Amino acid sequence: MTLKDFLIGAACGAAVVAIAKTPAFRKGCAKVVAAGLQLKDDASEYFETLKEDAEDAQAEKKVAAKKAKA
């Protein structure tokens, strides 16, 4: 590693810190996090619906099997 590489890295690090402190960057990060949480909630709701549908289908199959035996 040379001094030049170090100075470039330090400059890039300082630029990232400066950008990260801006209100626009923070607002953008908040939107990304909010969208991710909404996606998680939507996926959880979807899979819960699938689970309920599968349980209903299984229960109906058991009832139909009992009726067929009777």
PDB file of N, CA and C in Angstrom:
ATOM      1  N   MET A   1       0.852  -1.169   0.000  1.00  0.00           N
ATOM      2  CA  MET A   1       0.000   0.000   0.000  1.00  0.00           C
ATOM      3  C   MET A   1       0.900   1.235   0.000  1.00  0.00           C
ATOM      4  N   THR A   2       0.577   2.124  -0.866  1.00  0.00           N
ATOM      5  CA  THR A   2       1.377   3.341  -0.967  1.00  0.00           C
ATOM      6  C   THR A   2       0.650   4.498  -0.290  1.00  0.00           C
ATOM      7  N   LEU A   3       1.355   5.575  -0.112  1.00  0.00           N
ATOM      8  CA  LEU A   3       0.766   6.776   0.471  1.00  0.00           C
ATOM      9  C   LEU A   3      -0.369   7.290  -0.408  1.00  0.00           C
ATOM     10  N   LYS A   4      -0.187   7.168  -1.725  1.00  0.00           N
ATOM     11  CA  LYS A   4      -1.222   7.610  -2.669  1.00  0.00           C
ATOM     12  C   LYS A   4      -2.515   6.820  -2.452  1.00  0.00           C
ATOM     13  N   ASP A   5      -2.396   5.492  -2.310  1.00  0.00           N
ATOM     14  CA  ASP A   5      -3.575   4.649  -2.074  1.00  0.00           C
ATOM     15  C   ASP A   5      -4.267   5.040  -0.769  1.00  0.00           C
ATOM     16  N   PHE A   6      -3.463   5.289   0.251  1.00  0.00           N
ATOM     17  CA  PHE A   6      -4.018   5.685   1.540  1.00  0.00           C
ATOM     18  C   PHE A   6      -4.773   7.002   1.432  1.00  0.00           C
ATOM     19  N   LEU A   7      -4.177   7.973   0.763  1.00  0.00           N
ATOM     20  CA  LEU A   7      -4.821   9.279   0.619  1.00  0.00           C
ATOM     21  C   LEU A   7      -6.108   9.184  -0.188  1.00  0.00           C
ATOM     22  N   ILE A   8      -6.123   8.360  -1.219  1.00  0.00           N
ATOM     23  CA  ILE A   8      -7.348   8.159  -2.009  1.00  0.00           C
ATOM     24  C   ILE A   8      -8.424   7.523  -1.135  1.00  0.00           C
ATOM     25  N   GLY A   9      -8.047   6.524  -0.351  1.00  0.00           N
ATOM     26  CA  GLY A   9      -9.001   5.872   0.547  1.00  0.00           C
ATOM     27  C   GLY A   9      -9.539   6.822   1.595  1.00  0.00           C
ATOM     28  N   ALA A  10      -8.667   7.643   2.156  1.00  0.00           N
ATOM     29  CA  ALA A  10      -9.098   8.617   3.157  1.00  0.00           C
ATOM     30  C   ALA A  10     -10.041   9.646   2.541  1.00  0.00           C
ATOM     31  N   ALA A  11      -9.759  10.075   1.338  1.00  0.00           N
ATOM     32  CA  ALA A  11     -10.622  11.042   0.656  1.00  0.00           C
ATOM     33  C   ALA A  11     -11.991  10.427   0.360  1.00  0.00           C
ATOM     34  N   CYS A  12     -11.986   9.197  -0.096  1.00  0.00           N
ATOM     35  CA  CYS A  12     -13.263   8.513  -0.363  1.00  0.00           C
ATOM     36  C   CYS A  12     -14.061   8.338   0.923  1.00  0.00           C
ATOM     37  N   GLY A  13     -13.380   7.959   1.995  1.00  0.00           N
ATOM     38  CA  GLY A  13     -14.057   7.809   3.286  1.00  0.00           C
ATOM     39  C   GLY A  13     -14.657   9.118   3.762  1.00  0.00           C
ATOM     40  N   ALA A  14     -13.920  10.201   3.618  1.00  0.00           N
ATOM     41  CA  ALA A  14     -14.425  11.510   4.020  1.00  0.00           C
ATOM     42  C   ALA A  14     -15.626  11.910   3.173  1.00  0.00           C
ATOM     43  N   ALA A  15     -15.583  11.604   1.889  1.00  0.00           N
ATOM     44  CA  ALA A  15     -16.705  11.920   1.003  1.00  0.00           C
ATOM     45  C   ALA A  15     -17.949  11.136   1.398  1.00  0.00           C
ATOM     46  N   VAL A  16     -17.775   9.879   1.734  1.00  0.00           N
ATOM     47  CA  VAL A  16     -18.919   9.046   2.149  1.00  0.00           C
ATOM     48  C   VAL A  16     -19.517   9.583   3.439  1.00  0.00           C
ATOM     49  N   VAL A  17     -18.681   9.953   4.389  1.00  0.00           N
ATOM     50  CA  VAL A  17     -19.180  10.516   5.652  1.00  0.00           C
ATOM     51  C   VAL A  17     -19.941  11.810   5.382  1.00  0.00           C
ATOM     52  N   ALA A  18     -19.412  12.653   4.520  1.00  0.00           N
ATOM     53  CA  ALA A  18     -20.086  13.914   4.197  1.00  0.00           C
ATOM     54  C   ALA A  18     -21.439  13.673   3.539  1.00  0.00           C
ATOM     55  N   ILE A  19     -21.493  12.718   2.638  1.00  0.00           N
ATOM     56  CA  ILE A  19     -22.760  12.389   1.957  1.00  0.00           C
ATOM     57  C   ILE A  19     -23.751  11.796   2.944  1.00  0.00           C
ATOM     58  N   ALA A  20     -23.270  10.930   3.827  1.00  0.00           N
ATOM     59  CA  ALA A  20     -24.154  10.254   4.781  1.00  0.00           C
ATOM     60  C   ALA A  20     -24.790  11.226   5.759  1.00  0.00           C
ATOM     61  N   LYS A  21     -24.192  12.371   5.967  1.00  0.00           N
ATOM     62  CA  LYS A  21     -24.733  13.357   6.905  1.00  0.00           C
ATOM     63  C   LYS A  21     -25.783  14.265   6.275  1.00  0.00           C
ATOM     64  N   THR A  22     -25.984  14.196   4.980  1.00  0.00           N
ATOM     65  CA  THR A  22     -26.936  15.093   4.329  1.00  0.00           C
ATOM     66  C   THR A  22     -28.374  14.649   4.599  1.00  0.00           C
ATOM     67  N   PRO A  23     -29.280  15.594   4.725  1.00  0.00           N
ATOM     68  CA  PRO A  23     -30.687  15.252   4.955  1.00  0.00           C
ATOM     69  C   PRO A  23     -31.286  14.424   3.818  1.00  0.00           C
ATOM     70  N   ALA A  24     -30.878  14.698   2.593  1.00  0.00           N
ATOM     71  CA  ALA A  24     -31.423  13.946   1.455  1.00  0.00           C
ATOM     72  C   ALA A  24     -31.028  12.476   1.544  1.00  0.00           C
ATOM     73  N   PHE A  25     -29.801  12.209   1.933  1.00  0.00           N
ATOM     74  CA  PHE A  25     -29.347  10.827   2.061  1.00  0.00           C
ATOM     75  C   PHE A  25     -30.114  10.113   3.171  1.00  0.00           C
ATOM     76  N   ARG A  26     -30.278  10.786   4.289  1.00  0.00           N
ATOM     77  CA  ARG A  26     -31.016  10.182   5.413  1.00  0.00           C
ATOM     78  C   ARG A  26     -32.471   9.924   5.035  1.00  0.00           C
ATOM     79  N   LYS A  27     -33.068  10.872   4.322  1.00  0.00           N
ATOM     80  CA  LYS A  27     -34.456  10.699   3.888  1.00  0.00           C
ATOM     81  C   LYS A  27     -34.564   9.514   2.926  1.00  0.00           C
ATOM     82  N   GLY A  28     -33.592   9.398   2.030  1.00  0.00           N
ATOM     83  CA  GLY A  28     -33.576   8.271   1.100  1.00  0.00           C
ATOM     84  C   GLY A  28     -33.421   6.944   1.819  1.00  0.00           C
ATOM     85  N   CYS A  29     -32.544   6.915   2.815  1.00  0.00           N
ATOM     86  CA  CYS A  29     -32.360   5.689   3.603  1.00  0.00           C
ATOM     87  C   CYS A  29     -33.635   5.321   4.349  1.00  0.00           C
ATOM     88  N   ALA A  30     -34.310   6.329   4.893  1.00  0.00           N
ATOM     89  CA  ALA A  30     -35.562   6.080   5.604  1.00  0.00           C
ATOM     90  C   ALA A  30     -36.608   5.491   4.665  1.00  0.00           C
ATOM     91  N   LYS A  31     -36.664   6.004   3.434  1.00  0.00           N
ATOM     92  CA  LYS A  31     -37.624   5.466   2.458  1.00  0.00           C
ATOM     93  C   LYS A  31     -37.302   4.025   2.100  1.00  0.00           C
ATOM     94  N   VAL A  32     -36.021   3.721   1.941  1.00  0.00           N
ATOM     95  CA  VAL A  32     -35.615   2.348   1.604  1.00  0.00           C
ATOM     96  C   VAL A  32     -35.973   1.394   2.743  1.00  0.00           C
ATOM     97  N   VAL A  33     -35.706   1.805   3.973  1.00  0.00           N
ATOM     98  CA  VAL A  33     -36.021   0.967   5.134  1.00  0.00           C
ATOM     99  C   VAL A  33     -37.529   0.778   5.247  1.00  0.00           C
ATOM    100  N   ALA A  34     -38.284   1.848   5.064  1.00  0.00           N
ATOM    101  CA  ALA A  34     -39.744   1.757   5.138  1.00  0.00           C
ATOM    102  C   ALA A  34     -40.293   0.816   4.065  1.00  0.00           C
ATOM    103  N   ALA A  35     -39.750   0.908   2.872  1.00  0.00           N
ATOM    104  CA  ALA A  35     -40.196   0.025   1.791  1.00  0.00           C
ATOM    105  C   ALA A  35     -39.850  -1.428   2.111  1.00  0.00           C
ATOM    106  N   GLY A  36     -38.682  -1.648   2.688  1.00  0.00           N
ATOM    107  CA  GLY A  36     -38.294  -3.005   3.074  1.00  0.00           C
ATOM    108  C   GLY A  36     -39.206  -3.576   4.143  1.00  0.00           C
ATOM    109  N   LEU A  37     -39.561  -2.763   5.124  1.00  0.00           N
ATOM    110  CA  LEU A  37     -40.472  -3.224   6.178  1.00  0.00           C
ATOM    111  C   LEU A  37     -41.865  -3.508   5.614  1.00  0.00           C
ATOM    112  N   GLN A  38     -42.318  -2.663   4.692  1.00  0.00           N
ATOM    113  CA  GLN A  38     -43.621  -2.899   4.064  1.00  0.00           C
ATOM    114  C   GLN A  38     -43.610  -4.195   3.260  1.00  0.00           C
ATOM    115  N   LEU A  39     -42.523  -4.434   2.552  1.00  0.00           N
ATOM    116  CA  LEU A  39     -42.381  -5.668   1.785  1.00  0.00           C
ATOM    117  C   LEU A  39     -42.414  -6.877   2.707  1.00  0.00           C
ATOM    118  N   LYS A  40     -41.735  -6.790   3.840  1.00  0.00           N
ATOM    119  CA  LYS A  40     -41.731  -7.878   4.819  1.00  0.00           C
ATOM    120  C   LYS A  40     -43.146  -8.136   5.330  1.00  0.00           C
ATOM    121  N   ASP A  41     -43.873  -7.064   5.666  1.00  0.00           N
ATOM    122  CA  ASP A  41     -45.244  -7.211   6.156  1.00  0.00           C
ATOM    123  C   ASP A  41     -46.146  -7.831   5.093  1.00  0.00           C
ATOM    124  N   ASP A  42     -46.007  -7.370   3.849  1.00  0.00           N
ATOM    125  CA  ASP A  42     -46.816  -7.918   2.757  1.00  0.00           C
ATOM    126  C   ASP A  42     -46.514  -9.393   2.538  1.00  0.00           C
ATOM    127  N   ALA A  43     -45.244  -9.766   2.591  1.00  0.00           N
ATOM    128  CA  ALA A  43     -44.862 -11.170   2.405  1.00  0.00           C
ATOM    129  C   ALA A  43     -45.401 -12.022   3.545  1.00  0.00           C
ATOM    130  N   SER A  44     -45.320 -11.523   4.769  1.00  0.00           N
ATOM    131  CA  SER A  44     -45.840 -12.274   5.918  1.00  0.00           C
ATOM    132  C   SER A  44     -47.340 -12.495   5.778  1.00  0.00           C
ATOM    133  N   GLU A  45     -48.046 -11.457   5.369  1.00  0.00           N
ATOM    134  CA  GLU A  45     -49.495 -11.566   5.183  1.00  0.00           C
ATOM    135  C   GLU A  45     -49.826 -12.573   4.083  1.00  0.00           C
ATOM    136  N   TYR A  46     -49.079 -12.530   2.992  1.00  0.00           N
ATOM    137  CA  TYR A  46     -49.304 -13.443   1.878  1.00  0.00           C
ATOM    138  C   TYR A  46     -49.087 -14.900   2.305  1.00  0.00           C
ATOM    139  N   PHE A  47     -47.990 -15.156   3.008  1.00  0.00           N
ATOM    140  CA  PHE A  47     -47.704 -16.523   3.416  1.00  0.00           C
ATOM    141  C   PHE A  47     -48.666 -17.010   4.493  1.00  0.00           C
ATOM    142  N   GLU A  48     -49.161 -16.109   5.325  1.00  0.00           N
ATOM    143  CA  GLU A  48     -50.172 -16.491   6.314  1.00  0.00           C
ATOM    144  C   GLU A  48     -51.459 -16.901   5.593  1.00  0.00           C
ATOM    145  N   THR A  49     -51.822 -16.165   4.550  1.00  0.00           N
ATOM    146  CA  THR A  49     -53.006 -16.515   3.757  1.00  0.00           C
ATOM    147  C   THR A  49     -52.819 -17.877   3.088  1.00  0.00           C
ATOM    148  N   LEU A  50     -51.640 -18.116   2.537  1.00  0.00           N
ATOM    149  CA  LEU A  50     -51.362 -19.421   1.927  1.00  0.00           C
ATOM    150  C   LEU A  50     -51.479 -20.540   2.948  1.00  0.00           C
ATOM    151  N   LYS A  51     -50.955 -20.308   4.143  1.00  0.00           N
ATOM    152  CA  LYS A  51     -51.013 -21.324   5.201  1.00  0.00           C
ATOM    153  C   LYS A  51     -52.461 -21.627   5.568  1.00  0.00           C
ATOM    154  N   GLU A  52     -53.260 -20.571   5.735  1.00  0.00           N
ATOM    155  CA  GLU A  52     -54.674 -20.765   6.067  1.00  0.00           C
ATOM    156  C   GLU A  52     -55.400 -21.520   4.962  1.00  0.00           C
ATOM    157  N   ASP A  53     -55.127 -21.189   3.720  1.00  0.00           N
ATOM    158  CA  ASP A  53     -55.756 -21.883   2.598  1.00  0.00           C
ATOM    159  C   ASP A  53     -55.369 -23.358   2.576  1.00  0.00           C
ATOM    160  N   ALA A  54     -54.103 -23.644   2.851  1.00  0.00           N
ATOM    161  CA  ALA A  54     -53.643 -25.038   2.879  1.00  0.00           C
ATOM    162  C   ALA A  54     -54.308 -25.798   4.022  1.00  0.00           C
ATOM    163  N   GLU A  55     -54.452 -25.160   5.172  1.00  0.00           N
ATOM    164  CA  GLU A  55     -55.119 -25.804   6.307  1.00  0.00           C
ATOM    165  C   GLU A  55     -56.588 -26.065   5.993  1.00  0.00           C
ATOM    166  N   ASP A  56     -57.247 -25.107   5.333  1.00  0.00           N
ATOM    167  CA  ASP A  56     -58.644 -25.291   4.945  1.00  0.00           C
ATOM    168  C   ASP A  56     -58.787 -26.457   3.962  1.00  0.00           C
ATOM    169  N   ALA A  57     -57.885 -26.513   2.989  1.00  0.00           N
ATOM    170  CA  ALA A  57     -57.941 -27.595   1.997  1.00  0.00           C
ATOM    171  C   ALA A  57     -57.720 -28.950   2.672  1.00  0.00           C
ATOM    172  N   GLN A  58     -56.798 -28.999   3.630  1.00  0.00           N
ATOM    173  CA  GLN A  58     -56.537 -30.243   4.340  1.00  0.00           C
ATOM    174  C   GLN A  58     -57.764 -30.663   5.155  1.00  0.00           C
ATOM    175  N   ALA A  59     -58.399 -29.712   5.821  1.00  0.00           N
ATOM    176  CA  ALA A  59     -59.589 -30.022   6.613  1.00  0.00           C
ATOM    177  C   ALA A  59     -60.722 -30.508   5.711  1.00  0.00           C
ATOM    178  N   GLU A  60     -60.904 -29.866   4.558  1.00  0.00           N
ATOM    179  CA  GLU A  60     -61.945 -30.297   3.620  1.00  0.00           C
ATOM    180  C   GLU A  60     -61.665 -31.697   3.092  1.00  0.00           C
ATOM    181  N   LYS A  61     -60.417 -32.003   2.861  1.00  0.00           N
ATOM    182  CA  LYS A  61     -60.043 -33.330   2.378  1.00  0.00           C
ATOM    183  C   LYS A  61     -60.352 -34.383   3.431  1.00  0.00           C
ATOM    184  N   LYS A  62     -60.086 -34.070   4.697  1.00  0.00           N
ATOM    185  CA  LYS A  62     -60.392 -35.020   5.770  1.00  0.00           C
ATOM    186  C   LYS A  62     -61.901 -35.258   5.879  1.00  0.00           C
ATOM    187  N   VAL A  63     -62.690 -34.175   5.762  1.00  0.00           N
ATOM    188  CA  VAL A  63     -64.141 -34.308   5.828  1.00  0.00           C
ATOM    189  C   VAL A  63     -64.637 -35.148   4.662  1.00  0.00           C
ATOM    190  N   ALA A  64     -64.120 -34.917   3.473  1.00  0.00           N
ATOM    191  CA  ALA A  64     -64.532 -35.670   2.294  1.00  0.00           C
ATOM    192  C   ALA A  64     -64.150 -37.141   2.448  1.00  0.00           C
ATOM    193  N   ALA A  65     -62.999 -37.418   3.038  1.00  0.00           N
ATOM    194  CA  ALA A  65     -62.574 -38.807   3.235  1.00  0.00           C
ATOM    195  C   ALA A  65     -63.488 -39.509   4.233  1.00  0.00           C
ATOM    196  N   LYS A  66     -63.915 -38.799   5.277  1.00  0.00           N
ATOM    197  CA  LYS A  66     -64.837 -39.395   6.268  1.00  0.00           C
ATOM    198  C   LYS A  66     -66.187 -39.679   5.636  1.00  0.00           C
ATOM    199  N   LYS A  67     -66.668 -38.774   4.767  1.00  0.00           N
ATOM    200  CA  LYS A  67     -67.950 -38.962   4.102  1.00  0.00           C
ATOM    201  C   LYS A  67     -67.872 -40.154   3.131  1.00  0.00           C
ATOM    202  N   ALA A  68     -66.734 -40.329   2.500  1.00  0.00           N
ATOM    203  CA  ALA A  68     -66.569 -41.413   1.543  1.00  0.00           C
ATOM    204  C   ALA A  68     -66.569 -42.767   2.263  1.00  0.00           C
ATOM    205  N   LYS A  69     -66.061 -42.823   3.452  1.00  0.00           N
ATOM    206  CA  LYS A  69     -66.035 -44.065   4.236  1.00  0.00           C
ATOM    207  C   LYS A  69     -67.410 -44.407   4.765  1.00  0.00           C
ATOM    208  N   ALA A  70     -68.228 -43.378   5.016  1.00  0.00           N
ATOM    209  CA  ALA A  70     -69.551 -43.613   5.623  1.00  0.00           C
ATOM    210  C   ALA A  70     -70.558 -44.096   4.628  1.00  0.00           C
TER     211      ALA A  70
END
